[in-house]
Protein backbone atom coordinates (compact mmCIF):
# COMPACT_ATOMS: atom_id res chain seq x y z
CA MET A 1 19.38 2.35 6.28
CA SER A 2 17.79 1.15 3.08
CA LYS A 3 14.95 2.92 1.37
CA VAL A 4 11.45 1.44 1.65
CA THR A 5 8.99 1.67 -1.22
CA ILE A 6 5.25 1.26 -0.73
CA LEU A 7 3.42 0.17 -3.88
CA VAL A 8 -0.31 0.95 -3.81
CA CYS A 9 -2.53 -0.77 -6.36
CA THR A 10 -5.07 1.71 -7.73
CA ASN A 11 -6.46 -0.41 -10.55
CA VAL A 12 -10.16 0.17 -11.23
CA ARG A 13 -12.43 -2.32 -12.94
CA TYR A 14 -15.89 -1.06 -13.69
CA SER A 15 -17.62 -4.44 -13.60
CA GLU A 16 -19.15 -5.46 -10.27
CA GLN A 17 -18.21 -9.06 -11.06
CA ASN A 18 -14.52 -8.15 -11.19
CA PRO A 19 -13.28 -6.66 -7.90
CA SER A 20 -10.49 -4.13 -7.87
CA CYS A 21 -8.40 -2.22 -5.38
CA GLY A 22 -9.47 1.10 -6.87
CA ALA A 23 -13.11 0.29 -6.23
CA ARG A 24 -12.21 -0.38 -2.60
CA GLY A 25 -10.67 3.01 -1.84
CA SER A 26 -7.04 2.53 -2.79
CA LYS A 27 -6.82 5.86 -4.63
CA GLN A 28 -7.74 7.66 -1.38
CA LEU A 29 -5.23 5.46 0.45
CA PHE A 30 -2.52 6.42 -2.04
CA GLU A 31 -3.36 10.13 -1.73
CA LYS A 32 -3.32 10.04 2.09
CA LEU A 33 0.02 8.22 2.15
CA GLN A 34 1.47 10.89 -0.11
CA GLN A 35 0.43 13.57 2.40
CA VAL A 36 2.35 11.96 5.28
CA GLU A 37 5.97 13.02 5.69
CA LEU A 38 7.86 9.77 5.41
CA LYS A 39 11.63 9.76 5.75
CA ASN A 40 13.28 7.12 3.52
CA ILE A 41 9.88 5.86 2.34
CA GLU A 42 8.69 6.32 -1.23
CA ILE A 43 5.01 5.91 -2.18
CA ARG A 44 4.31 4.68 -5.70
CA GLU A 45 1.09 3.94 -7.55
CA ILE A 46 0.88 0.68 -9.48
CA CYS A 47 -1.81 -0.76 -11.71
CA CYS A 48 -2.24 -4.35 -10.51
CA MET A 49 -0.48 -6.96 -8.40
CA GLY A 50 -2.92 -9.81 -9.01
CA HIS A 51 -4.52 -9.81 -5.55
CA CYS A 52 -7.77 -8.19 -6.68
CA MET A 53 -10.00 -10.34 -4.48
CA LYS A 54 -8.15 -9.08 -1.38
CA GLY A 55 -7.97 -5.34 -2.16
CA ALA A 56 -7.06 -2.74 -1.41
CA VAL A 57 -3.54 -4.13 -1.66
CA ILE A 58 -0.14 -2.63 -0.98
CA LYS A 59 3.28 -4.21 -1.27
CA VAL A 60 6.34 -3.10 0.64
CA LEU A 61 9.77 -3.29 -0.96
CA PRO A 62 12.44 -4.52 -0.47
CA SER A 63 10.83 -7.03 1.95
CA GLY A 64 8.09 -8.03 -0.53
CA ARG A 65 5.48 -8.06 2.22
CA PHE A 66 1.83 -7.68 1.13
CA TYR A 67 -0.95 -6.00 3.08
CA HIS A 68 -4.51 -6.85 2.04
CA GLY A 69 -7.80 -5.08 2.70
CA VAL A 70 -5.98 -1.86 3.61
CA THR A 71 -7.99 1.28 4.34
CA VAL A 72 -7.08 4.88 5.16
CA ASP A 73 -7.76 4.05 8.82
CA ASP A 74 -4.95 1.45 8.69
CA ILE A 75 -2.24 4.00 7.83
CA PRO A 76 -0.99 4.65 11.41
CA ASN A 77 -0.58 0.92 12.13
CA LEU A 78 0.98 0.32 8.73
CA LEU A 79 3.59 3.03 9.32
CA LYS A 80 4.31 1.62 12.77
CA ASP A 81 4.88 -1.81 11.18
CA LEU A 82 7.23 -0.27 8.64
CA GLN A 83 9.24 1.48 11.34
CA GLY A 84 9.64 -1.91 13.04
CA GLU A 85 10.83 -3.49 9.78
CA LYS A 86 13.38 -0.72 9.29
CA SER A 87 14.65 -1.16 12.87
CA GLU A 88 15.20 -4.87 12.30
CA GLU A 89 17.34 -4.15 9.21
CA ARG A 90 20.00 -2.37 11.26
């Protein structure tokens, strides 16, 4: 089974005219994901993926799938999705 990496954008822009994932709670999302015991899943913080208007944004590797507008409340469904992706790889 291959390893899955979740990239969480935590970029913060301090201008209200320039949205950012960090201003939409991605740092809390990153911290909560780090607290969950995830076998074969690595959580990494990243500065920007260019989807600022749709934040908070995460990207799953190796599939390359993006999730937009993610909140802490989305974590259970996100992990369920990832388990499904890993099952399909077998």
